[in-house]
Amino acid sequence: MKVRILTVGFTVLLLIVMFSGCIEENPKLIYVDDDGGADYTQIQKAIDDASDGDTIFVHNGTYYETLIINKSINLIGASKDKTIIDFQNTNKINQNNIVFIEADNCTIKELKIIGIGTTDSDTVGISINASYNTISNNIILNNYKGVNIGEDTKNNDVSWNTVSNNWYGIATRHSDNNNISKNNISLSGLYGIYLSVSETNIIFGNTVSYCDFYGMRIKASDNNKVFNNIVAMNKRGMYLCCGAGNNIIYYNTFKQNSEWNARDDVVNQWDNGSFGNYWDDYTGLDNDSDGIGDIPYNISGGNNQDRYPLMNQFNV
């Protein structure tokens, strides 16, 4: 009996040793504090030692680093006002991308990411070069591009961020099925939101203001949905061109854009069949008091119309 028990026990132990490489470890919580007293004082060193699924929590402080994220991790700051990644005085190992994401399923939250200017540099605050990533509740300032969603990516979520004083606020190129929502984008030197050759994206609930050239531009991009945004106090509101077709734009507020609220050189839909957009320069009446203008609003540039212009603006 003892021999049988020992044999069975040895067999079980052998199987555990043989298959131990297949057993995944539990995700870890890793702490970073530039003042010491945590697991690491540098964020990149924590990323280098992390594994897929781990969470890196960064205490308040100023971190003069550029980051390469090549694992599916969560990078969470203690406070988006006080957890700062500053591009100045870094070793610039990452070709001017401050946060460079090349893994799927990452989350970046509660960080302030600061570049060194707009036209005088080519810094990118967060460069997304993978899919299914979440960029949320960050402050992104003073870059050539605030957030850039790169080629051959999809299903990224960029939401609830403050993106200010960048040449491009949030930009995509050859990227589909992304969600860009609830961001506050202001003071862009060129574009607040820019889609290029990108399809089936959702642009929802953003406020885009004080941009020097365009609040939004959709170029050579089809089947995107743009709704519930406020586009205000830009030089030009929203511009569709260069083969951008079959996009639907509705329930947005366009106001106080100095040159024009919208221009469409292609063919797109400026209402959802029942509701259109609010235009502060609409001169029609609402004789039946249903909240919809009695005559269409003509979009500059082509033959497009908002057939159901809204008489009242709304808050996002």
C-alpha atoms as a PDB file:
ATOM      1  CA  MET A   1       0.000   0.000   0.000  1.00  0.00           C
ATOM      2  CA  LYS A   2       2.835   2.424   0.876  1.00  0.00           C
ATOM      3  CA  VAL A   3       4.567   1.665  -2.411  1.00  0.00           C
ATOM      4  CA  ARG A   4       1.325   2.377  -4.354  1.00  0.00           C
ATOM      5  CA  ILE A   5       0.811   5.701  -2.523  1.00  0.00           C
ATOM      6  CA  LEU A   6       4.410   6.763  -3.165  1.00  0.00           C
ATOM      7  CA  THR A   7       4.094   5.821  -6.841  1.00  0.00           C
ATOM      8  CA  VAL A   8       0.888   7.802  -7.280  1.00  0.00           C
ATOM      9  CA  GLY A   9       2.365  10.748  -5.400  1.00  0.00           C
ATOM     10  CA  PHE A  10       5.498  10.755  -7.538  1.00  0.00           C
ATOM     11  CA  THR A  11       3.398  10.566 -10.720  1.00  0.00           C
ATOM     12  CA  VAL A  12       1.288  13.554  -9.662  1.00  0.00           C
ATOM     13  CA  LEU A  13       4.418  15.538  -8.762  1.00  0.00           C
ATOM     14  CA  LEU A  14       5.990  14.667 -12.117  1.00  0.00           C
ATOM     15  CA  LEU A  15       2.870  15.830 -13.987  1.00  0.00           C
ATOM     16  CA  ILE A  16       2.877  19.119 -12.074  1.00  0.00           C
ATOM     17  CA  VAL A  17       6.518  19.714 -12.990  1.00  0.00           C
ATOM     18  CA  MET A  18       5.930  18.767 -16.631  1.00  0.00           C
ATOM     19  CA  PHE A  19       2.960  21.074 -17.089  1.00  0.00           C
ATOM     20  CA  SER A  20       3.975  23.912 -14.789  1.00  0.00           C
ATOM     21  CA  GLY A  21       4.907  26.008 -17.821  1.00  0.00           C
ATOM     22  CA  CYS A  22       1.257  25.949 -18.927  1.00  0.00           C
ATOM     23  CA  ILE A  23      -0.092  27.383 -15.680  1.00  0.00           C
ATOM     24  CA  GLU A  24      -0.508  31.162 -15.903  1.00  0.00           C
ATOM     25  CA  GLU A  25       0.428  33.311 -12.964  1.00  0.00           C
ATOM     26  CA  ASN A  26      -2.120  35.709 -11.507  1.00  0.00           C
ATOM     27  CA  PRO A  27      -1.873  39.285 -12.822  1.00  0.00           C
ATOM     28  CA  LYS A  28       0.300  41.489 -10.641  1.00  0.00           C
ATOM     29  CA  LEU A  29      -0.181  45.019  -9.329  1.00  0.00           C
ATOM     30  CA  ILE A  30       3.087  46.919  -9.749  1.00  0.00           C
ATOM     31  CA  TYR A  31       3.766  50.306  -8.134  1.00  0.00           C
ATOM     32  CA  VAL A  32       5.918  53.137  -9.484  1.00  0.00           C
ATOM     33  CA  ASP A  33       6.933  56.214  -7.486  1.00  0.00           C
ATOM     34  CA  ASP A  34       9.607  58.666  -8.617  1.00  0.00           C
ATOM     35  CA  ASP A  35      10.319  59.475  -4.967  1.00  0.00           C
ATOM     36  CA  GLY A  36      11.119  55.862  -4.120  1.00  0.00           C
ATOM     37  CA  GLY A  37       9.400  53.531  -1.696  1.00  0.00           C
ATOM     38  CA  ALA A  38       7.647  51.547  -4.454  1.00  0.00           C
ATOM     39  CA  ASP A  39       8.568  48.636  -6.716  1.00  0.00           C
ATOM     40  CA  TYR A  40      10.115  50.980  -9.291  1.00  0.00           C
ATOM     41  CA  THR A  41      11.040  54.619  -9.712  1.00  0.00           C
ATOM     42  CA  GLN A  42      10.743  54.540 -13.531  1.00  0.00           C
ATOM     43  CA  ILE A  43       7.659  53.581 -15.502  1.00  0.00           C
ATOM     44  CA  GLN A  44       9.511  51.946 -18.388  1.00  0.00           C
ATOM     45  CA  LYS A  45      11.431  49.627 -16.078  1.00  0.00           C
ATOM     46  CA  ALA A  46       8.119  48.509 -14.595  1.00  0.00           C
ATOM     47  CA  ILE A  47       6.750  47.866 -18.097  1.00  0.00           C
ATOM     48  CA  ASP A  48       9.863  45.892 -19.039  1.00  0.00           C
ATOM     49  CA  ASP A  49       9.397  43.564 -16.065  1.00  0.00           C
ATOM     50  CA  ALA A  50       5.605  43.277 -16.361  1.00  0.00           C
ATOM     51  CA  SER A  51       3.632  40.485 -17.989  1.00  0.00           C
ATOM     52  CA  ASP A  52       0.409  40.494 -19.977  1.00  0.00           C
ATOM     53  CA  GLY A  53      -2.520  41.337 -17.731  1.00  0.00           C
ATOM     54  CA  ASP A  54      -0.503  43.181 -15.093  1.00  0.00           C
ATOM     55  CA  THR A  55      -1.496  46.616 -13.810  1.00  0.00           C
ATOM     56  CA  ILE A  56       1.102  49.330 -13.254  1.00  0.00           C
ATOM     57  CA  PHE A  57      -0.023  52.011 -10.830  1.00  0.00           C
ATOM     58  CA  VAL A  58       1.963  55.245 -11.026  1.00  0.00           C
ATOM     59  CA  HIS A  59       2.042  57.570  -8.030  1.00  0.00           C
ATOM     60  CA  ASN A  60       1.876  61.339  -8.451  1.00  0.00           C
ATOM     61  CA  GLY A  61       5.079  62.905  -9.670  1.00  0.00           C
ATOM     62  CA  THR A  62       6.843  64.027 -12.840  1.00  0.00           C
ATOM     63  CA  TYR A  63       8.398  61.290 -14.956  1.00  0.00           C
ATOM     64  CA  TYR A  64      10.803  62.417 -17.673  1.00  0.00           C
ATOM     65  CA  GLU A  65      10.405  59.351 -19.860  1.00  0.00           C
ATOM     66  CA  THR A  66       9.196  58.024 -23.176  1.00  0.00           C
ATOM     67  CA  LEU A  67       7.384  54.698 -22.974  1.00  0.00           C
ATOM     68  CA  ILE A  68       7.169  51.652 -25.210  1.00  0.00           C
ATOM     69  CA  ILE A  69       4.242  49.447 -24.245  1.00  0.00           C
ATOM     70  CA  ASN A  70       4.650  46.056 -25.897  1.00  0.00           C
ATOM     71  CA  LYS A  71       2.559  44.015 -23.483  1.00  0.00           C
ATOM     72  CA  SER A  72      -1.171  43.910 -22.749  1.00  0.00           C
ATOM     73  CA  ILE A  73      -1.065  45.884 -19.510  1.00  0.00           C
ATOM     74  CA  ASN A  74      -3.021  48.520 -17.631  1.00  0.00           C
ATOM     75  CA  LEU A  75      -1.097  51.739 -16.983  1.00  0.00           C
ATOM     76  CA  ILE A  76      -2.976  53.805 -14.392  1.00  0.00           C
ATOM     77  CA  GLY A  77      -1.926  57.110 -12.868  1.00  0.00           C
ATOM     78  CA  ALA A  78      -2.935  58.256  -9.415  1.00  0.00           C
ATOM     79  CA  SER A  79      -4.330  61.549 -10.734  1.00  0.00           C
ATOM     80  CA  LYS A  80      -4.489  62.984 -14.241  1.00  0.00           C
ATOM     81  CA  ASP A  81      -3.562  66.406 -12.853  1.00  0.00           C
ATOM     82  CA  LYS A  82      -0.519  65.272 -10.887  1.00  0.00           C
ATOM     83  CA  THR A  83       0.785  62.095 -12.533  1.00  0.00           C
ATOM     84  CA  ILE A  84       2.861  63.680 -15.282  1.00  0.00           C
ATOM     85  CA  ILE A  85       4.899  62.238 -18.131  1.00  0.00           C
ATOM     86  CA  ASP A  86       6.981  65.117 -19.478  1.00  0.00           C
ATOM     87  CA  PHE A  87       8.850  64.830 -22.766  1.00  0.00           C
ATOM     88  CA  GLN A  88      11.357  67.511 -21.826  1.00  0.00           C
ATOM     89  CA  ASN A  89      14.759  66.303 -20.674  1.00  0.00           C
ATOM     90  CA  THR A  90      14.100  62.709 -21.793  1.00  0.00           C
ATOM     91  CA  ASN A  91      16.550  60.584 -23.722  1.00  0.00           C
ATOM     92  CA  LYS A  92      14.015  60.447 -26.598  1.00  0.00           C
ATOM     93  CA  ILE A  93      14.517  56.736 -27.214  1.00  0.00           C
ATOM     94  CA  ASN A  94      11.129  56.380 -28.833  1.00  0.00           C
ATOM     95  CA  GLN A  95      11.340  58.608 -31.933  1.00  0.00           C
ATOM     96  CA  ASN A  96       9.320  61.406 -30.360  1.00  0.00           C
ATOM     97  CA  ASN A  97       6.380  59.233 -29.344  1.00  0.00           C
ATOM     98  CA  ILE A  98       5.874  59.892 -25.665  1.00  0.00           C
ATOM     99  CA  VAL A  99       3.672  56.821 -25.114  1.00  0.00           C
ATOM    100  CA  PHE A 100       4.009  54.247 -27.915  1.00  0.00           C
ATOM    101  CA  ILE A 101       1.551  51.332 -27.770  1.00  0.00           C
ATOM    102  CA  GLU A 102       2.334  48.274 -29.874  1.00  0.00           C
ATOM    103  CA  ALA A 103       0.292  45.643 -27.991  1.00  0.00           C
ATOM    104  CA  ASP A 104      -3.433  44.931 -28.080  1.00  0.00           C
ATOM    105  CA  ASN A 105      -5.723  45.234 -25.063  1.00  0.00           C
ATOM    106  CA  CYS A 106      -3.892  47.952 -23.142  1.00  0.00           C
ATOM    107  CA  THR A 107      -5.500  50.580 -20.917  1.00  0.00           C
ATOM    108  CA  ILE A 108      -3.965  54.025 -20.327  1.00  0.00           C
ATOM    109  CA  LYS A 109      -5.737  56.173 -17.723  1.00  0.00           C
ATOM    110  CA  GLU A 110      -5.273  59.155 -15.421  1.00  0.00           C
ATOM    111  CA  LEU A 111      -2.023  60.548 -16.829  1.00  0.00           C
ATOM    112  CA  LYS A 112      -0.946  64.023 -17.919  1.00  0.00           C
ATOM    113  CA  ILE A 113       1.249  63.757 -21.008  1.00  0.00           C
ATOM    114  CA  ILE A 114       3.147  66.898 -22.008  1.00  0.00           C
ATOM    115  CA  GLY A 115       5.113  67.467 -25.203  1.00  0.00           C
ATOM    116  CA  ILE A 116       7.369  70.353 -26.150  1.00  0.00           C
ATOM    117  CA  GLY A 117       5.237  72.248 -28.651  1.00  0.00           C
ATOM    118  CA  THR A 118       3.243  71.866 -31.851  1.00  0.00           C
ATOM    119  CA  THR A 119       4.778  73.079 -35.111  1.00  0.00           C
ATOM    120  CA  ASP A 120       8.333  73.081 -33.767  1.00  0.00           C
ATOM    121  CA  SER A 121       8.365  69.348 -33.021  1.00  0.00           C
ATOM    122  CA  ASP A 122       6.826  66.074 -34.140  1.00  0.00           C
ATOM    123  CA  THR A 123       5.996  64.671 -30.722  1.00  0.00           C
ATOM    124  CA  VAL A 124       2.970  62.410 -30.376  1.00  0.00           C
ATOM    125  CA  GLY A 125       1.391  62.228 -26.939  1.00  0.00           C
ATOM    126  CA  ILE A 126      -0.066  58.725 -27.323  1.00  0.00           C
ATOM    127  CA  SER A 127       0.660  56.703 -30.466  1.00  0.00           C
ATOM    128  CA  ILE A 128      -1.627  53.675 -30.857  1.00  0.00           C
ATOM    129  CA  ASN A 129      -0.215  51.028 -33.171  1.00  0.00           C
ATOM    130  CA  ALA A 130      -2.359  48.095 -32.113  1.00  0.00           C
ATOM    131  CA  SER A 131      -6.036  47.266 -31.520  1.00  0.00           C
ATOM    132  CA  TYR A 132      -8.580  47.002 -28.699  1.00  0.00           C
ATOM    133  CA  ASN A 133      -6.851  49.597 -26.533  1.00  0.00           C
ATOM    134  CA  THR A 134      -8.535  52.059 -24.155  1.00  0.00           C
ATOM    135  CA  ILE A 135      -7.240  55.610 -23.689  1.00  0.00           C
ATOM    136  CA  SER A 136      -9.365  57.324 -21.070  1.00  0.00           C
ATOM    137  CA  ASN A 137      -9.334  60.219 -18.595  1.00  0.00           C
ATOM    138  CA  ASN A 138      -5.960  61.617 -19.586  1.00  0.00           C
ATOM    139  CA  ILE A 139      -4.709  65.153 -20.202  1.00  0.00           C
ATOM    140  CA  ILE A 140      -2.614  65.430 -23.380  1.00  0.00           C
ATOM    141  CA  LEU A 141      -0.912  68.756 -24.115  1.00  0.00           C
ATOM    142  CA  ASN A 142       1.575  70.509 -26.385  1.00  0.00           C
ATOM    143  CA  ASN A 143       2.271  67.909 -29.068  1.00  0.00           C
ATOM    144  CA  TYR A 144       2.238  67.773 -32.840  1.00  0.00           C
ATOM    145  CA  LYS A 145      -0.426  65.067 -32.463  1.00  0.00           C
ATOM    146  CA  GLY A 146      -2.216  64.508 -29.187  1.00  0.00           C
ATOM    147  CA  VAL A 147      -3.480  60.982 -29.931  1.00  0.00           C
ATOM    148  CA  ASN A 148      -2.595  59.216 -33.166  1.00  0.00           C
ATOM    149  CA  ILE A 149      -4.380  55.976 -34.090  1.00  0.00           C
ATOM    150  CA  GLY A 150      -2.092  54.321 -36.604  1.00  0.00           C
ATOM    151  CA  GLU A 151      -2.490  52.175 -39.680  1.00  0.00           C
ATOM    152  CA  ASP A 152      -4.030  48.692 -39.713  1.00  0.00           C
ATOM    153  CA  THR A 153      -5.543  49.064 -36.252  1.00  0.00           C
ATOM    154  CA  LYS A 154      -9.142  48.778 -35.110  1.00  0.00           C
ATOM    155  CA  ASN A 155     -11.531  48.889 -32.166  1.00  0.00           C
ATOM    156  CA  ASN A 156      -9.641  51.379 -30.037  1.00  0.00           C
ATOM    157  CA  ASP A 157     -11.515  53.525 -27.516  1.00  0.00           C
ATOM    158  CA  VAL A 158     -10.347  57.107 -26.945  1.00  0.00           C
ATOM    159  CA  SER A 159     -12.723  58.744 -24.488  1.00  0.00           C
ATOM    160  CA  TRP A 160     -13.048  61.303 -21.689  1.00  0.00           C
ATOM    161  CA  ASN A 161      -9.650  62.876 -22.414  1.00  0.00           C
ATOM    162  CA  THR A 162      -8.666  66.544 -22.376  1.00  0.00           C
ATOM    163  CA  VAL A 163      -6.609  67.154 -25.518  1.00  0.00           C
ATOM    164  CA  SER A 164      -5.343  70.718 -25.849  1.00  0.00           C
ATOM    165  CA  ASN A 165      -2.771  72.821 -27.678  1.00  0.00           C
ATOM    166  CA  ASN A 166      -1.755  70.141 -30.164  1.00  0.00           C
ATOM    167  CA  TRP A 167      -1.423  70.632 -33.930  1.00  0.00           C
ATOM    168  CA  TYR A 168      -3.730  67.606 -34.410  1.00  0.00           C
ATOM    169  CA  GLY A 169      -5.945  66.728 -31.459  1.00  0.00           C
ATOM    170  CA  ILE A 170      -7.009  63.144 -32.261  1.00  0.00           C
ATOM    171  CA  ALA A 171      -6.092  61.639 -35.647  1.00  0.00           C
ATOM    172  CA  THR A 172      -6.618  58.333 -37.445  1.00  0.00           C
ATOM    173  CA  ARG A 173      -5.196  56.891 -40.636  1.00  0.00           C
ATOM    174  CA  HIS A 174      -6.258  53.559 -42.152  1.00  0.00           C
ATOM    175  CA  SER A 175      -7.947  52.628 -38.876  1.00  0.00           C
ATOM    176  CA  ASP A 176     -11.513  51.335 -38.496  1.00  0.00           C
ATOM    177  CA  ASN A 177     -14.194  50.733 -35.872  1.00  0.00           C
ATOM    178  CA  ASN A 178     -12.753  53.080 -33.286  1.00  0.00           C
ATOM    179  CA  ASN A 179     -14.750  54.964 -30.680  1.00  0.00           C
ATOM    180  CA  ILE A 180     -13.762  58.609 -30.149  1.00  0.00           C
ATOM    181  CA  SER A 181     -16.126  59.954 -27.534  1.00  0.00           C
ATOM    182  CA  LYS A 182     -16.608  62.462 -24.716  1.00  0.00           C
ATOM    183  CA  ASN A 183     -13.264  64.160 -25.273  1.00  0.00           C
ATOM    184  CA  ASN A 184     -12.683  67.873 -24.748  1.00  0.00           C
ATOM    185  CA  ILE A 185     -10.468  68.963 -27.644  1.00  0.00           C
ATOM    186  CA  SER A 186      -9.343  72.578 -27.897  1.00  0.00           C
ATOM    187  CA  LEU A 187      -6.721  74.930 -29.314  1.00  0.00           C
ATOM    188  CA  SER A 188      -5.587  72.622 -32.098  1.00  0.00           C
ATOM    189  CA  GLY A 189      -3.336  74.357 -34.586  1.00  0.00           C
ATOM    190  CA  LEU A 190      -4.819  72.448 -37.517  1.00  0.00           C
ATOM    191  CA  TYR A 191      -7.492  69.822 -36.731  1.00  0.00           C
ATOM    192  CA  GLY A 192      -9.376  68.926 -33.583  1.00  0.00           C
ATOM    193  CA  ILE A 193     -10.460  65.516 -34.929  1.00  0.00           C
ATOM    194  CA  TYR A 194      -9.046  64.201 -38.213  1.00  0.00           C
ATOM    195  CA  LEU A 195     -10.069  60.962 -39.944  1.00  0.00           C
ATOM    196  CA  SER A 196      -8.074  59.842 -42.973  1.00  0.00           C
ATOM    197  CA  VAL A 197      -8.932  56.691 -44.935  1.00  0.00           C
ATOM    198  CA  SER A 198     -10.762  55.300 -41.910  1.00  0.00           C
ATOM    199  CA  GLU A 199     -14.160  53.621 -41.867  1.00  0.00           C
ATOM    200  CA  THR A 200     -17.002  52.807 -39.464  1.00  0.00           C
ATOM    201  CA  ASN A 201     -15.688  54.951 -36.634  1.00  0.00           C
ATOM    202  CA  ILE A 202     -18.006  56.534 -34.076  1.00  0.00           C
ATOM    203  CA  ILE A 203     -17.393  60.189 -33.155  1.00  0.00           C
ATOM    204  CA  PHE A 204     -19.727  60.888 -30.255  1.00  0.00           C
ATOM    205  CA  GLY A 205     -20.171  63.451 -27.501  1.00  0.00           C
ATOM    206  CA  ASN A 206     -16.968  65.419 -28.064  1.00  0.00           C
ATOM    207  CA  THR A 207     -16.527  69.155 -27.608  1.00  0.00           C
ATOM    208  CA  VAL A 208     -14.184  70.596 -30.231  1.00  0.00           C
ATOM    209  CA  SER A 209     -13.391  74.280 -29.889  1.00  0.00           C
ATOM    210  CA  TYR A 210     -10.910  77.082 -30.615  1.00  0.00           C
ATOM    211  CA  CYS A 211      -9.113  75.224 -33.405  1.00  0.00           C
ATOM    212  CA  ASP A 212      -7.191  77.482 -35.778  1.00  0.00           C
ATOM    213  CA  PHE A 213      -8.242  75.767 -39.018  1.00  0.00           C
ATOM    214  CA  TYR A 214     -10.838  72.978 -38.646  1.00  0.00           C
ATOM    215  CA  GLY A 215     -12.775  71.536 -35.757  1.00  0.00           C
ATOM    216  CA  MET A 216     -13.204  68.217 -37.621  1.00  0.00           C
ATOM    217  CA  ARG A 217     -12.090  66.929 -40.980  1.00  0.00           C
ATOM    218  CA  ILE A 218     -13.109  63.635 -42.599  1.00  0.00           C
ATOM    219  CA  LYS A 219     -10.951  62.792 -45.609  1.00  0.00           C
ATOM    220  CA  ALA A 220     -11.361  59.760 -47.903  1.00  0.00           C
ATOM    221  CA  SER A 221     -13.241  57.967 -45.123  1.00  0.00           C
ATOM    222  CA  ASP A 222     -16.613  56.212 -45.415  1.00  0.00           C
ATOM    223  CA  ASN A 223     -19.420  54.980 -43.193  1.00  0.00           C
ATOM    224  CA  ASN A 224     -18.490  56.952 -40.092  1.00  0.00           C
ATOM    225  CA  LYS A 225     -21.107  58.176 -37.629  1.00  0.00           C
ATOM    226  CA  VAL A 226     -20.752  61.650 -36.081  1.00  0.00           C
ATOM    227  CA  PHE A 227     -23.369  62.630 -33.516  1.00  0.00           C
ATOM    228  CA  ASN A 228     -23.972  64.575 -30.298  1.00  0.00           C
ATOM    229  CA  ASN A 229     -20.806  66.659 -30.664  1.00  0.00           C
ATOM    230  CA  ILE A 230     -20.346  70.372 -30.062  1.00  0.00           C
ATOM    231  CA  VAL A 231     -18.223  72.057 -32.732  1.00  0.00           C
ATOM    232  CA  ALA A 232     -17.818  75.664 -31.671  1.00  0.00           C
ATOM    233  CA  MET A 233     -15.597  78.715 -31.968  1.00  0.00           C
ATOM    234  CA  ASN A 234     -13.261  77.240 -34.558  1.00  0.00           C
ATOM    235  CA  LYS A 235     -12.214  78.971 -37.766  1.00  0.00           C
ATOM    236  CA  ARG A 236     -14.080  76.281 -39.744  1.00  0.00           C
ATOM    237  CA  GLY A 237     -16.429  73.770 -38.185  1.00  0.00           C
ATOM    238  CA  MET A 238     -16.499  70.440 -40.041  1.00  0.00           C
ATOM    239  CA  TYR A 239     -15.093  69.579 -43.469  1.00  0.00           C
ATOM    240  CA  LEU A 240     -15.701  66.446 -45.569  1.00  0.00           C
ATOM    241  CA  CYS A 241     -13.727  65.968 -48.762  1.00  0.00           C
ATOM    242  CA  CYS A 242     -11.621  63.826 -51.013  1.00  0.00           C
ATOM    243  CA  GLY A 243     -13.942  60.860 -51.472  1.00  0.00           C
ATOM    244  CA  ALA A 244     -15.408  60.835 -47.962  1.00  0.00           C
ATOM    245  CA  GLY A 245     -18.858  59.345 -48.614  1.00  0.00           C
ATOM    246  CA  ASN A 246     -21.775  57.740 -46.858  1.00  0.00           C
ATOM    247  CA  ASN A 247     -20.998  59.309 -43.499  1.00  0.00           C
ATOM    248  CA  ILE A 248     -23.910  60.295 -41.271  1.00  0.00           C
ATOM    249  CA  ILE A 249     -23.816  63.494 -39.228  1.00  0.00           C
ATOM    250  CA  TYR A 250     -26.689  64.339 -36.889  1.00  0.00           C
ATOM    251  CA  TYR A 251     -27.658  65.804 -33.544  1.00  0.00           C
ATOM    252  CA  ASN A 252     -24.528  67.948 -33.403  1.00  0.00           C
ATOM    253  CA  THR A 253     -24.277  71.610 -32.422  1.00  0.00           C
ATOM    254  CA  PHE A 254     -22.424  73.915 -34.811  1.00  0.00           C
ATOM    255  CA  LYS A 255     -21.989  77.451 -33.533  1.00  0.00           C
ATOM    256  CA  GLN A 256     -19.672  80.447 -33.626  1.00  0.00           C
ATOM    257  CA  ASN A 257     -17.333  78.956 -36.202  1.00  0.00           C
ATOM    258  CA  SER A 258     -15.988  82.091 -37.841  1.00  0.00           C
ATOM    259  CA  GLU A 259     -15.703  81.117 -41.541  1.00  0.00           C
ATOM    260  CA  TRP A 260     -18.353  78.420 -41.855  1.00  0.00           C
ATOM    261  CA  ASN A 261     -20.021  75.763 -39.747  1.00  0.00           C
ATOM    262  CA  ALA A 262     -19.733  72.922 -42.246  1.00  0.00           C
ATOM    263  CA  ARG A 263     -18.559  72.192 -45.782  1.00  0.00           C
ATOM    264  CA  ASP A 264     -19.143  68.981 -47.713  1.00  0.00           C
ATOM    265  CA  ASP A 265     -17.550  68.538 -51.133  1.00  0.00           C
ATOM    266  CA  VAL A 266     -18.817  64.958 -51.484  1.00  0.00           C
ATOM    267  CA  VAL A 267     -22.169  63.276 -50.674  1.00  0.00           C
ATOM    268  CA  ASN A 268     -23.021  62.539 -47.047  1.00  0.00           C
ATOM    269  CA  GLN A 269     -26.101  62.449 -44.850  1.00  0.00           C
ATOM    270  CA  TRP A 270     -26.594  65.383 -42.478  1.00  0.00           C
ATOM    271  CA  ASP A 271     -29.558  63.967 -40.536  1.00  0.00           C
ATOM    272  CA  ASN A 272     -30.765  60.563 -39.415  1.00  0.00           C
ATOM    273  CA  GLY A 273     -34.092  60.773 -41.229  1.00  0.00           C
ATOM    274  CA  SER A 274     -35.815  62.453 -38.298  1.00  0.00           C
ATOM    275  CA  PHE A 275     -33.342  64.811 -36.650  1.00  0.00           C
ATOM    276  CA  GLY A 276     -30.524  66.895 -38.030  1.00  0.00           C
ATOM    277  CA  ASN A 277     -28.130  69.320 -36.376  1.00  0.00           C
ATOM    278  CA  TYR A 278     -28.284  72.698 -34.662  1.00  0.00           C
ATOM    279  CA  TRP A 279     -26.859  75.555 -36.754  1.00  0.00           C
ATOM    280  CA  ASP A 280     -26.480  78.984 -35.225  1.00  0.00           C
ATOM    281  CA  ASP A 281     -26.757  80.587 -38.681  1.00  0.00           C
ATOM    282  CA  TYR A 282     -29.989  78.831 -39.654  1.00  0.00           C
ATOM    283  CA  THR A 283     -32.549  81.433 -40.711  1.00  0.00           C
ATOM    284  CA  GLY A 284     -35.621  79.241 -41.161  1.00  0.00           C
ATOM    285  CA  LEU A 285     -38.719  79.164 -38.964  1.00  0.00           C
ATOM    286  CA  ASP A 286     -40.491  76.482 -36.952  1.00  0.00           C
ATOM    287  CA  ASN A 287     -44.125  77.300 -37.513  1.00  0.00           C
ATOM    288  CA  ASP A 288     -45.443  74.018 -36.133  1.00  0.00           C
ATOM    289  CA  SER A 289     -43.235  74.253 -32.994  1.00  0.00           C
ATOM    290  CA  ASP A 290     -41.898  70.709 -33.293  1.00  0.00           C
ATOM    291  CA  GLY A 291     -38.300  71.788 -32.708  1.00  0.00           C
ATOM    292  CA  ILE A 292     -37.315  71.170 -36.337  1.00  0.00           C
ATOM    293  CA  GLY A 293     -36.872  73.905 -38.923  1.00  0.00           C
ATOM    294  CA  ASP A 294     -39.481  74.090 -41.676  1.00  0.00           C
ATOM    295  CA  ILE A 295     -36.915  74.327 -44.488  1.00  0.00           C
ATOM    296  CA  PRO A 296     -33.608  72.464 -44.933  1.00  0.00           C
ATOM    297  CA  TYR A 297     -30.224  73.920 -44.044  1.00  0.00           C
ATOM    298  CA  ASN A 298     -27.855  74.038 -47.011  1.00  0.00           C
ATOM    299  CA  ILE A 299     -24.336  72.717 -46.403  1.00  0.00           C
ATOM    300  CA  SER A 300     -21.549  74.673 -48.081  1.00  0.00           C
ATOM    301  CA  GLY A 301     -19.533  73.140 -50.885  1.00  0.00           C
ATOM    302  CA  GLY A 302     -21.955  70.851 -52.696  1.00  0.00           C
ATOM    303  CA  ASN A 303     -25.615  69.853 -52.852  1.00  0.00           C
ATOM    304  CA  ASN A 304     -25.928  68.405 -49.347  1.00  0.00           C
ATOM    305  CA  GLN A 305     -28.675  69.496 -46.968  1.00  0.00           C
ATOM    306  CA  ASP A 306     -29.663  68.981 -43.380  1.00  0.00           C
ATOM    307  CA  ARG A 307     -33.333  68.189 -43.991  1.00  0.00           C
ATOM    308  CA  TYR A 308     -34.337  68.414 -40.333  1.00  0.00           C
ATOM    309  CA  PRO A 309     -32.312  71.241 -38.739  1.00  0.00           C
ATOM    310  CA  LEU A 310     -32.791  71.557 -35.000  1.00  0.00           C
ATOM    311  CA  MET A 311     -34.039  74.816 -33.581  1.00  0.00           C
ATOM    312  CA  ASN A 312     -32.346  74.399 -30.207  1.00  0.00           C
ATOM    313  CA  GLN A 313     -28.853  73.346 -29.188  1.00  0.00           C
ATOM    314  CA  PHE A 314     -28.186  70.846 -26.460  1.00  0.00           C
ATOM    315  CA  ASN A 315     -25.482  69.986 -23.961  1.00  0.00           C
ATOM    316  CA  VAL A 316     -23.264  66.971 -24.577  1.00  0.00           C
END
